[in-house]
Amino acid sequence: MSFFKSLDEFGLVEIILVEESQYIHLDKITDIEKMIRIHQELNVNIEGIDVVFNLLNKIEELQNELIIIKNKL
């Protein structure tokens, strides 16, 4: 649970409290699986996971921008 709380503190996931039970939105499950693998298999700390996911998001944005530009040509 401390791992998930740390992810929540860094803004990587949002823990929702419903009737004293904690939940994570279904849309974030694949991201959490990636974060767990990065943490366990590569021994990357929470700060590193934050950097990795920020870079992955930037790459995705740039790829989408490239597709838009290609479509305009």
N, C-alpha and C. Protein backbone atom coordinates (compact mmCIF):
# COMPACT_ATOMS: atom_id res chain seq x y z
N MET A 1 0.82 -1.21 0.00
CA MET A 1 0.00 0.00 0.00
C MET A 1 0.86 1.26 0.00
N SER A 2 2.03 1.20 0.61
CA SER A 2 2.88 2.39 0.64
C SER A 2 3.34 2.76 -0.76
N PHE A 3 3.54 1.77 -1.62
CA PHE A 3 3.91 2.04 -3.01
C PHE A 3 2.81 2.83 -3.70
N PHE A 4 1.56 2.42 -3.51
CA PHE A 4 0.43 3.11 -4.13
C PHE A 4 0.23 4.50 -3.55
N LYS A 5 0.46 4.64 -2.26
CA LYS A 5 0.36 5.96 -1.64
C LYS A 5 1.42 6.89 -2.19
N SER A 6 2.62 6.36 -2.43
CA SER A 6 3.69 7.17 -3.01
C SER A 6 3.34 7.58 -4.44
N LEU A 7 2.76 6.66 -5.20
CA LEU A 7 2.32 7.00 -6.56
C LEU A 7 1.27 8.10 -6.53
N ASP A 8 0.38 8.02 -5.55
CA ASP A 8 -0.66 9.04 -5.39
C ASP A 8 -0.04 10.39 -5.02
N GLU A 9 0.94 10.39 -4.13
CA GLU A 9 1.59 11.63 -3.70
C GLU A 9 2.31 12.31 -4.86
N PHE A 10 2.87 11.52 -5.78
CA PHE A 10 3.57 12.08 -6.93
C PHE A 10 2.61 12.44 -8.07
N GLY A 11 1.33 12.12 -7.90
CA GLY A 11 0.35 12.45 -8.91
C GLY A 11 0.33 11.49 -10.08
N LEU A 12 0.93 10.33 -9.91
CA LEU A 12 0.95 9.34 -10.99
C LEU A 12 -0.36 8.57 -11.07
N VAL A 13 -1.02 8.40 -9.95
CA VAL A 13 -2.34 7.78 -9.90
C VAL A 13 -3.18 8.56 -8.90
N GLU A 14 -4.47 8.35 -8.97
CA GLU A 14 -5.37 9.00 -8.02
C GLU A 14 -6.11 7.92 -7.24
N ILE A 15 -5.92 7.92 -5.94
CA ILE A 15 -6.61 6.96 -5.09
C ILE A 15 -7.92 7.60 -4.65
N ILE A 16 -9.01 6.88 -4.91
CA ILE A 16 -10.35 7.37 -4.59
C ILE A 16 -10.85 6.64 -3.36
N LEU A 17 -11.39 7.38 -2.42
CA LEU A 17 -11.91 6.80 -1.19
C LEU A 17 -13.43 6.70 -1.29
N VAL A 18 -13.95 5.46 -1.23
CA VAL A 18 -15.39 5.22 -1.28
C VAL A 18 -15.75 4.33 -0.10
N GLU A 19 -16.55 4.88 0.79
CA GLU A 19 -16.99 4.14 1.97
C GLU A 19 -15.82 3.47 2.68
N GLU A 20 -14.79 4.24 2.96
CA GLU A 20 -13.61 3.82 3.70
C GLU A 20 -12.76 2.77 2.98
N SER A 21 -13.02 2.53 1.70
CA SER A 21 -12.19 1.65 0.89
C SER A 21 -11.50 2.47 -0.18
N GLN A 22 -10.25 2.12 -0.47
CA GLN A 22 -9.48 2.86 -1.45
C GLN A 22 -9.53 2.15 -2.80
N TYR A 23 -9.73 2.94 -3.86
CA TYR A 23 -9.83 2.41 -5.21
C TYR A 23 -8.97 3.24 -6.15
N ILE A 24 -8.59 2.61 -7.24
CA ILE A 24 -7.89 3.29 -8.33
C ILE A 24 -8.76 3.14 -9.56
N HIS A 25 -8.87 4.21 -10.34
CA HIS A 25 -9.73 4.19 -11.52
C HIS A 25 -9.26 3.11 -12.49
N LEU A 26 -10.21 2.44 -13.11
CA LEU A 26 -9.95 1.33 -14.02
C LEU A 26 -9.04 1.74 -15.18
N ASP A 27 -9.13 2.99 -15.64
CA ASP A 27 -8.32 3.46 -16.76
C ASP A 27 -6.83 3.47 -16.44
N LYS A 28 -6.47 3.48 -15.19
CA LYS A 28 -5.06 3.57 -14.78
C LYS A 28 -4.43 2.20 -14.50
N ILE A 29 -5.19 1.13 -14.64
CA ILE A 29 -4.67 -0.20 -14.30
C ILE A 29 -3.46 -0.57 -15.15
N THR A 30 -3.50 -0.33 -16.46
CA THR A 30 -2.35 -0.68 -17.30
C THR A 30 -1.12 0.14 -16.93
N ASP A 31 -1.33 1.43 -16.61
CA ASP A 31 -0.21 2.27 -16.18
C ASP A 31 0.38 1.75 -14.87
N ILE A 32 -0.48 1.34 -13.96
CA ILE A 32 0.00 0.83 -12.67
C ILE A 32 0.78 -0.46 -12.86
N GLU A 33 0.31 -1.32 -13.76
CA GLU A 33 1.05 -2.55 -14.05
C GLU A 33 2.45 -2.22 -14.57
N LYS A 34 2.55 -1.23 -15.45
CA LYS A 34 3.85 -0.80 -15.97
C LYS A 34 4.72 -0.26 -14.85
N MET A 35 4.12 0.56 -13.98
CA MET A 35 4.87 1.15 -12.87
C MET A 35 5.40 0.08 -11.93
N ILE A 36 4.59 -0.93 -11.66
CA ILE A 36 5.01 -2.02 -10.78
C ILE A 36 6.17 -2.79 -11.40
N ARG A 37 6.07 -3.07 -12.72
CA ARG A 37 7.15 -3.77 -13.40
C ARG A 37 8.44 -2.96 -13.40
N ILE A 38 8.32 -1.67 -13.69
CA ILE A 38 9.50 -0.79 -13.68
C ILE A 38 10.13 -0.78 -12.28
N HIS A 39 9.30 -0.70 -11.28
CA HIS A 39 9.79 -0.64 -9.89
C HIS A 39 10.46 -1.96 -9.48
N GLN A 40 9.81 -3.08 -9.76
CA GLN A 40 10.32 -4.36 -9.28
C GLN A 40 11.43 -4.92 -10.15
N GLU A 41 11.24 -4.90 -11.47
CA GLU A 41 12.21 -5.54 -12.35
C GLU A 41 13.45 -4.69 -12.58
N LEU A 42 13.27 -3.37 -12.63
CA LEU A 42 14.40 -2.48 -12.90
C LEU A 42 14.90 -1.77 -11.65
N ASN A 43 14.20 -1.98 -10.54
CA ASN A 43 14.56 -1.37 -9.25
C ASN A 43 14.60 0.16 -9.35
N VAL A 44 13.60 0.73 -10.02
CA VAL A 44 13.50 2.18 -10.18
C VAL A 44 12.62 2.73 -9.06
N ASN A 45 13.08 3.81 -8.42
CA ASN A 45 12.29 4.40 -7.34
C ASN A 45 11.13 5.24 -7.91
N ILE A 46 10.31 5.77 -7.02
CA ILE A 46 9.11 6.51 -7.42
C ILE A 46 9.48 7.73 -8.26
N GLU A 47 10.55 8.42 -7.88
CA GLU A 47 10.98 9.60 -8.63
C GLU A 47 11.35 9.22 -10.06
N GLY A 48 12.03 8.08 -10.20
CA GLY A 48 12.41 7.58 -11.52
C GLY A 48 11.20 7.20 -12.36
N ILE A 49 10.21 6.58 -11.72
CA ILE A 49 8.98 6.22 -12.41
C ILE A 49 8.28 7.47 -12.90
N ASP A 50 8.28 8.51 -12.09
CA ASP A 50 7.68 9.79 -12.49
C ASP A 50 8.37 10.33 -13.74
N VAL A 51 9.70 10.29 -13.76
CA VAL A 51 10.45 10.76 -14.92
C VAL A 51 10.14 9.93 -16.15
N VAL A 52 10.13 8.61 -16.00
CA VAL A 52 9.85 7.71 -17.12
C VAL A 52 8.47 8.01 -17.70
N PHE A 53 7.47 8.14 -16.86
CA PHE A 53 6.12 8.36 -17.36
C PHE A 53 5.96 9.75 -17.98
N ASN A 54 6.66 10.75 -17.44
CA ASN A 54 6.62 12.07 -18.06
C ASN A 54 7.24 12.02 -19.45
N LEU A 55 8.35 11.30 -19.59
CA LEU A 55 8.98 11.15 -20.91
C LEU A 55 8.11 10.36 -21.88
N LEU A 56 7.47 9.30 -21.39
CA LEU A 56 6.58 8.53 -22.25
C LEU A 56 5.39 9.37 -22.72
N ASN A 57 4.85 10.20 -21.83
CA ASN A 57 3.75 11.08 -22.22
C ASN A 57 4.20 12.10 -23.26
N LYS A 58 5.41 12.63 -23.11
CA LYS A 58 5.95 13.60 -24.06
C LYS A 58 6.15 12.95 -25.43
N ILE A 59 6.67 11.73 -25.43
CA ILE A 59 6.84 10.99 -26.69
C ILE A 59 5.50 10.79 -27.38
N GLU A 60 4.50 10.41 -26.62
CA GLU A 60 3.16 10.19 -27.19
C GLU A 60 2.60 11.49 -27.78
N GLU A 61 2.77 12.60 -27.07
CA GLU A 61 2.32 13.90 -27.57
C GLU A 61 3.03 14.25 -28.87
N LEU A 62 4.33 14.03 -28.92
CA LEU A 62 5.10 14.35 -30.13
C LEU A 62 4.70 13.45 -31.29
N GLN A 63 4.43 12.19 -31.03
CA GLN A 63 3.98 11.28 -32.08
C GLN A 63 2.63 11.71 -32.63
N ASN A 64 1.72 12.12 -31.74
CA ASN A 64 0.42 12.60 -32.19
C ASN A 64 0.55 13.87 -33.01
N GLU A 65 1.44 14.77 -32.58
CA GLU A 65 1.68 16.00 -33.32
C GLU A 65 2.25 15.70 -34.70
N LEU A 66 3.16 14.74 -34.78
CA LEU A 66 3.76 14.34 -36.05
C LEU A 66 2.71 13.77 -37.00
N ILE A 67 1.80 12.98 -36.47
CA ILE A 67 0.72 12.41 -37.29
C ILE A 67 -0.16 13.53 -37.86
N ILE A 68 -0.49 14.51 -37.02
CA ILE A 68 -1.30 15.64 -37.47
C ILE A 68 -0.59 16.40 -38.57
N ILE A 69 0.69 16.65 -38.39
CA ILE A 69 1.47 17.39 -39.39
C ILE A 69 1.57 16.60 -40.70
N LYS A 70 1.78 15.30 -40.60
CA LYS A 70 1.84 14.46 -41.80
C LYS A 70 0.51 14.48 -42.54
N ASN A 71 -0.59 14.48 -41.82
CA ASN A 71 -1.91 14.48 -42.43
C ASN A 71 -2.18 15.80 -43.15
N LYS A 72 -1.59 16.88 -42.69
CA LYS A 72 -1.77 18.17 -43.33
C LYS A 72 -1.03 18.25 -44.65
N LEU A 73 0.05 17.48 -44.75
CA LEU A 73 0.83 17.47 -45.98
C LEU A 73 0.10 16.64 -46.99
